[in-house]
Amino acid sequence: MAGTNGWAPTDEQREVSFEDFADELVVLPDTTTDDTDSGWGERSSSNDDRLLSDRPPHWD
């Protein structure tokens, strides 16, 4: 469809409706598998269990 000057409409003139494919729209995740230790072929480096077991008694 050509605009008034014979060229295609600019992005500001083009209407885009996302309603037709809103169910198929996939939002990218916050992290990818490459951002994890397992994505690099390494073990998980979490110390949480050890740190919780080493808590001083007065913290309870």
PDB file of N, CA and C in Angstrom:
ATOM      1  N   MET A   1       0.846  -1.171   0.000  1.00  0.00           N
ATOM      2  CA  MET A   1       0.000   0.000   0.000  1.00  0.00           C
ATOM      3  C   MET A   1       0.892   1.234   0.000  1.00  0.00           C
ATOM      4  N   ALA A   2       0.724   2.110  -0.935  1.00  0.00           N
ATOM      5  CA  ALA A   2       1.562   3.297  -1.070  1.00  0.00           C
ATOM      6  C   ALA A   2       0.953   4.463  -0.320  1.00  0.00           C
ATOM      7  N   GLY A   3       1.836   5.323   0.196  1.00  0.00           N
ATOM      8  CA  GLY A   3       1.384   6.520   0.886  1.00  0.00           C
ATOM      9  C   GLY A   3       0.997   7.598  -0.117  1.00  0.00           C
ATOM     10  N   THR A   4       0.812   8.811   0.370  1.00  0.00           N
ATOM     11  CA  THR A   4       0.375   9.902  -0.506  1.00  0.00           C
ATOM     12  C   THR A   4       1.451  10.287  -1.511  1.00  0.00           C
ATOM     13  N   ASN A   5       2.718  10.041  -1.194  1.00  0.00           N
ATOM     14  CA  ASN A   5       3.791  10.400  -2.109  1.00  0.00           C
ATOM     15  C   ASN A   5       4.219   9.232  -3.004  1.00  0.00           C
ATOM     16  N   GLY A   6       3.504   8.109  -2.966  1.00  0.00           N
ATOM     17  CA  GLY A   6       3.825   6.964  -3.808  1.00  0.00           C
ATOM     18  C   GLY A   6       4.744   5.957  -3.150  1.00  0.00           C
ATOM     19  N   TRP A   7       5.277   6.283  -1.987  1.00  0.00           N
ATOM     20  CA  TRP A   7       6.172   5.375  -1.276  1.00  0.00           C
ATOM     21  C   TRP A   7       5.387   4.610  -0.220  1.00  0.00           C
ATOM     22  N   ALA A   8       6.001   3.598   0.326  1.00  0.00           N
ATOM     23  CA  ALA A   8       5.383   2.819   1.403  1.00  0.00           C
ATOM     24  C   ALA A   8       5.253   3.705   2.642  1.00  0.00           C
ATOM     25  N   PRO A   9       4.261   3.459   3.476  1.00  0.00           N
ATOM     26  CA  PRO A   9       4.077   4.284   4.680  1.00  0.00           C
ATOM     27  C   PRO A   9       5.251   4.135   5.644  1.00  0.00           C
ATOM     28  N   THR A  10       5.516   5.176   6.406  1.00  0.00           N
ATOM     29  CA  THR A  10       6.576   5.124   7.405  1.00  0.00           C
ATOM     30  C   THR A  10       6.086   4.333   8.618  1.00  0.00           C
ATOM     31  N   ASP A  11       6.981   4.065   9.545  1.00  0.00           N
ATOM     32  CA  ASP A  11       6.615   3.308  10.748  1.00  0.00           C
ATOM     33  C   ASP A  11       5.547   4.033  11.555  1.00  0.00           C
ATOM     34  N   GLU A  12       5.578   5.368  11.553  1.00  0.00           N
ATOM     35  CA  GLU A  12       4.577   6.122  12.311  1.00  0.00           C
ATOM     36  C   GLU A  12       3.188   5.976  11.686  1.00  0.00           C
ATOM     37  N   GLN A  13       3.125   5.764  10.379  1.00  0.00           N
ATOM     38  CA  GLN A  13       1.847   5.651   9.691  1.00  0.00           C
ATOM     39  C   GLN A  13       1.304   4.234   9.674  1.00  0.00           C
ATOM     40  N   ARG A  14       2.150   3.265   9.907  1.00  0.00           N
ATOM     41  CA  ARG A  14       1.763   1.860   9.810  1.00  0.00           C
ATOM     42  C   ARG A  14       1.050   1.429  11.091  1.00  0.00           C
ATOM     43  N   GLU A  15      -0.084   0.790  10.939  1.00  0.00           N
ATOM     44  CA  GLU A  15      -0.829   0.283  12.089  1.00  0.00           C
ATOM     45  C   GLU A  15      -0.458  -1.176  12.322  1.00  0.00           C
ATOM     46  N   VAL A  16      -0.131  -1.495  13.554  1.00  0.00           N
ATOM     47  CA  VAL A  16       0.230  -2.861  13.917  1.00  0.00           C
ATOM     48  C   VAL A  16      -0.675  -3.307  15.056  1.00  0.00           C
ATOM     49  N   SER A  17      -1.320  -4.430  14.872  1.00  0.00           N
ATOM     50  CA  SER A  17      -2.193  -4.972  15.901  1.00  0.00           C
ATOM     51  C   SER A  17      -1.601  -6.274  16.414  1.00  0.00           C
ATOM     52  N   PHE A  18      -1.365  -6.337  17.708  1.00  0.00           N
ATOM     53  CA  PHE A  18      -0.818  -7.546  18.315  1.00  0.00           C
ATOM     54  C   PHE A  18      -1.915  -8.469  18.833  1.00  0.00           C
ATOM     55  N   GLU A  19      -3.161  -8.066  18.698  1.00  0.00           N
ATOM     56  CA  GLU A  19      -4.267  -8.863  19.228  1.00  0.00           C
ATOM     57  C   GLU A  19      -4.394 -10.207  18.530  1.00  0.00           C
ATOM     58  N   ASP A  20      -4.032 -10.270  17.244  1.00  0.00           N
ATOM     59  CA  ASP A  20      -4.201 -11.507  16.489  1.00  0.00           C
ATOM     60  C   ASP A  20      -3.259 -12.610  16.956  1.00  0.00           C
ATOM     61  N   PHE A  21      -2.069 -12.245  17.404  1.00  0.00           N
ATOM     62  CA  PHE A  21      -1.118 -13.270  17.809  1.00  0.00           C
ATOM     63  C   PHE A  21      -0.591 -13.054  19.225  1.00  0.00           C
ATOM     64  N   ALA A  22      -1.376 -12.425  20.077  1.00  0.00           N
ATOM     65  CA  ALA A  22      -0.954 -12.158  21.450  1.00  0.00           C
ATOM     66  C   ALA A  22      -0.741 -13.448  22.235  1.00  0.00           C
ATOM     67  N   ASP A  23      -1.522 -14.491  21.933  1.00  0.00           N
ATOM     68  CA  ASP A  23      -1.347 -15.758  22.641  1.00  0.00           C
ATOM     69  C   ASP A  23      -0.053 -16.444  22.247  1.00  0.00           C
ATOM     70  N   GLU A  24       0.442 -16.199  21.046  1.00  0.00           N
ATOM     71  CA  GLU A  24       1.668 -16.827  20.573  1.00  0.00           C
ATOM     72  C   GLU A  24       2.910 -16.018  20.926  1.00  0.00           C
ATOM     73  N   LEU A  25       2.715 -14.808  21.430  1.00  0.00           N
ATOM     74  CA  LEU A  25       3.829 -13.936  21.743  1.00  0.00           C
ATOM     75  C   LEU A  25       4.593 -14.483  22.950  1.00  0.00           C
ATOM     76  N   VAL A  26       5.873 -14.749  22.773  1.00  0.00           N
ATOM     77  CA  VAL A  26       6.713 -15.303  23.832  1.00  0.00           C
ATOM     78  C   VAL A  26       7.681 -14.218  24.287  1.00  0.00           C
ATOM     79  N   VAL A  27       7.676 -13.952  25.580  1.00  0.00           N
ATOM     80  CA  VAL A  27       8.591 -12.976  26.143  1.00  0.00           C
ATOM     81  C   VAL A  27       9.878 -13.705  26.512  1.00  0.00           C
ATOM     82  N   LEU A  28      10.994 -13.095  26.211  1.00  0.00           N
ATOM     83  CA  LEU A  28      12.278 -13.724  26.500  1.00  0.00           C
ATOM     84  C   LEU A  28      12.489 -13.837  28.008  1.00  0.00           C
ATOM     85  N   PRO A  29      13.139 -14.902  28.455  1.00  0.00           N
ATOM     86  CA  PRO A  29      13.401 -15.056  29.888  1.00  0.00           C
ATOM     87  C   PRO A  29      14.441 -14.049  30.373  1.00  0.00           C
ATOM     88  N   ASP A  30      14.478 -13.822  31.692  1.00  0.00           N
ATOM     89  CA  ASP A  30      15.454 -12.900  32.258  1.00  0.00           C
ATOM     90  C   ASP A  30      16.868 -13.433  32.144  1.00  0.00           C
ATOM     91  N   THR A  31      17.027 -14.740  32.269  1.00  0.00           N
ATOM     92  CA  THR A  31      18.344 -15.362  32.119  1.00  0.00           C
ATOM     93  C   THR A  31      18.246 -16.531  31.159  1.00  0.00           C
ATOM     94  N   THR A  32      19.339 -16.838  30.536  1.00  0.00           N
ATOM     95  CA  THR A  32      19.391 -17.987  29.639  1.00  0.00           C
ATOM     96  C   THR A  32      20.214 -19.082  30.292  1.00  0.00           C
ATOM     97  N   THR A  33      20.218 -20.257  29.695  1.00  0.00           N
ATOM     98  CA  THR A  33      21.006 -21.349  30.273  1.00  0.00           C
ATOM     99  C   THR A  33      22.495 -21.054  30.194  1.00  0.00           C
ATOM    100  N   ASP A  34      22.903 -20.179  29.279  1.00  0.00           N
ATOM    101  CA  ASP A  34      24.316 -19.813  29.207  1.00  0.00           C
ATOM    102  C   ASP A  34      24.753 -18.975  30.399  1.00  0.00           C
ATOM    103  N   ASP A  35      23.800 -18.370  31.091  1.00  0.00           N
ATOM    104  CA  ASP A  35      24.113 -17.539  32.248  1.00  0.00           C
ATOM    105  C   ASP A  35      24.238 -18.351  33.530  1.00  0.00           C
ATOM    106  N   THR A  36      24.056 -19.650  33.464  1.00  0.00           N
ATOM    107  CA  THR A  36      24.118 -20.493  34.658  1.00  0.00           C
ATOM    108  C   THR A  36      25.379 -21.337  34.645  1.00  0.00           C
ATOM    109  N   ASP A  37      25.719 -21.874  35.814  1.00  0.00           N
ATOM    110  CA  ASP A  37      26.884 -22.757  35.909  1.00  0.00           C
ATOM    111  C   ASP A  37      26.697 -24.006  35.058  1.00  0.00           C
ATOM    112  N   SER A  38      25.496 -24.578  35.071  1.00  0.00           N
ATOM    113  CA  SER A  38      25.254 -25.793  34.293  1.00  0.00           C
ATOM    114  C   SER A  38      25.336 -25.507  32.794  1.00  0.00           C
ATOM    115  N   GLY A  39      25.036 -24.296  32.377  1.00  0.00           N
ATOM    116  CA  GLY A  39      25.166 -23.924  30.977  1.00  0.00           C
ATOM    117  C   GLY A  39      26.606 -23.926  30.514  1.00  0.00           C
ATOM    118  N   TRP A  40      27.526 -23.720  31.442  1.00  0.00           N
ATOM    119  CA  TRP A  40      28.953 -23.751  31.144  1.00  0.00           C
ATOM    120  C   TRP A  40      29.563 -25.112  31.456  1.00  0.00           C
ATOM    121  N   GLY A  41      28.737 -26.077  31.853  1.00  0.00           N
ATOM    122  CA  GLY A  41      29.234 -27.411  32.153  1.00  0.00           C
ATOM    123  C   GLY A  41      29.887 -27.526  33.517  1.00  0.00           C
ATOM    124  N   GLU A  42      29.557 -26.614  34.414  1.00  0.00           N
ATOM    125  CA  GLU A  42      30.148 -26.629  35.755  1.00  0.00           C
ATOM    126  C   GLU A  42      29.098 -27.028  36.779  1.00  0.00           C
ATOM    127  N   ARG A  43      29.570 -27.402  37.946  1.00  0.00           N
ATOM    128  CA  ARG A  43      28.653 -27.701  39.052  1.00  0.00           C
ATOM    129  C   ARG A  43      28.112 -26.403  39.639  1.00  0.00           C
ATOM    130  N   SER A  44      27.004 -26.541  40.315  1.00  0.00           N
ATOM    131  CA  SER A  44      26.436 -25.388  40.990  1.00  0.00           C
ATOM    132  C   SER A  44      27.375 -24.937  42.096  1.00  0.00           C
ATOM    133  N   SER A  45      27.578 -23.639  42.197  1.00  0.00           N
ATOM    134  CA  SER A  45      28.538 -23.125  43.186  1.00  0.00           C
ATOM    135  C   SER A  45      27.829 -22.508  44.388  1.00  0.00           C
ATOM    136  N   SER A  46      26.658 -23.036  44.724  1.00  0.00           N
ATOM    137  CA  SER A  46      25.909 -22.485  45.834  1.00  0.00           C
ATOM    138  C   SER A  46      26.479 -22.980  47.162  1.00  0.00           C
ATOM    139  N   ASN A  47      26.707 -22.051  48.064  1.00  0.00           N
ATOM    140  CA  ASN A  47      27.196 -22.338  49.416  1.00  0.00           C
ATOM    141  C   ASN A  47      26.077 -22.251  50.436  1.00  0.00           C
ATOM    142  N   ASP A  48      24.857 -22.065  50.001  1.00  0.00           N
ATOM    143  CA  ASP A  48      23.761 -21.764  50.911  1.00  0.00           C
ATOM    144  C   ASP A  48      23.579 -22.811  52.002  1.00  0.00           C
ATOM    145  N   ASP A  49      23.602 -24.097  51.634  1.00  0.00           N
ATOM    146  CA  ASP A  49      23.402 -25.144  52.643  1.00  0.00           C
ATOM    147  C   ASP A  49      24.500 -25.127  53.690  1.00  0.00           C
ATOM    148  N   ARG A  50      25.735 -24.992  53.254  1.00  0.00           N
ATOM    149  CA  ARG A  50      26.851 -24.969  54.205  1.00  0.00           C
ATOM    150  C   ARG A  50      26.784 -23.732  55.086  1.00  0.00           C
ATOM    151  N   LEU A  51      26.482 -22.600  54.504  1.00  0.00           N
ATOM    152  CA  LEU A  51      26.420 -21.372  55.291  1.00  0.00           C
ATOM    153  C   LEU A  51      25.287 -21.410  56.307  1.00  0.00           C
ATOM    154  N   LEU A  52      24.144 -21.982  55.945  1.00  0.00           N
ATOM    155  CA  LEU A  52      23.040 -22.093  56.891  1.00  0.00           C
ATOM    156  C   LEU A  52      23.368 -23.045  58.034  1.00  0.00           C
ATOM    157  N   SER A  53      24.090 -24.114  57.740  1.00  0.00           N
ATOM    158  CA  SER A  53      24.439 -25.056  58.808  1.00  0.00           C
ATOM    159  C   SER A  53      25.531 -24.494  59.719  1.00  0.00           C
ATOM    160  N   ASP A  54      26.316 -23.551  59.240  1.00  0.00           N
ATOM    161  CA  ASP A  54      27.394 -22.955  60.035  1.00  0.00           C
ATOM    162  C   ASP A  54      26.966 -21.691  60.778  1.00  0.00           C
ATOM    163  N   ARG A  55      25.671 -21.409  60.775  1.00  0.00           N
ATOM    164  CA  ARG A  55      25.199 -20.212  61.465  1.00  0.00           C
ATOM    165  C   ARG A  55      25.497 -20.296  62.959  1.00  0.00           C
ATOM    166  N   PRO A  56      25.918 -19.198  63.552  1.00  0.00           N
ATOM    167  CA  PRO A  56      26.145 -19.203  65.006  1.00  0.00           C
ATOM    168  C   PRO A  56      24.825 -19.401  65.750  1.00  0.00           C
ATOM    169  N   PRO A  57      24.871 -20.035  66.929  1.00  0.00           N
ATOM    170  CA  PRO A  57      23.647 -20.312  67.683  1.00  0.00           C
ATOM    171  C   PRO A  57      22.876 -19.049  68.099  1.00  0.00           C
ATOM    172  N   HIS A  58      23.574 -17.956  68.296  1.00  0.00           N
ATOM    173  CA  HIS A  58      22.876 -16.751  68.743  1.00  0.00           C
ATOM    174  C   HIS A  58      22.083 -16.083  67.611  1.00  0.00           C
ATOM    175  N   TRP A  59      22.186 -16.543  66.377  1.00  0.00           N
ATOM    176  CA  TRP A  59      21.404 -16.003  65.267  1.00  0.00           C
ATOM    177  C   TRP A  59      20.004 -16.595  65.216  1.00  0.00           C
ATOM    178  N   ASP A  60      19.756 -17.675  65.932  1.00  0.00           N
ATOM    179  CA  ASP A  60      18.434 -18.321  65.901  1.00  0.00           C
ATOM    180  C   ASP A  60      17.437 -17.651  66.795  1.00  0.00           C
TER     181      ASP A  60
END
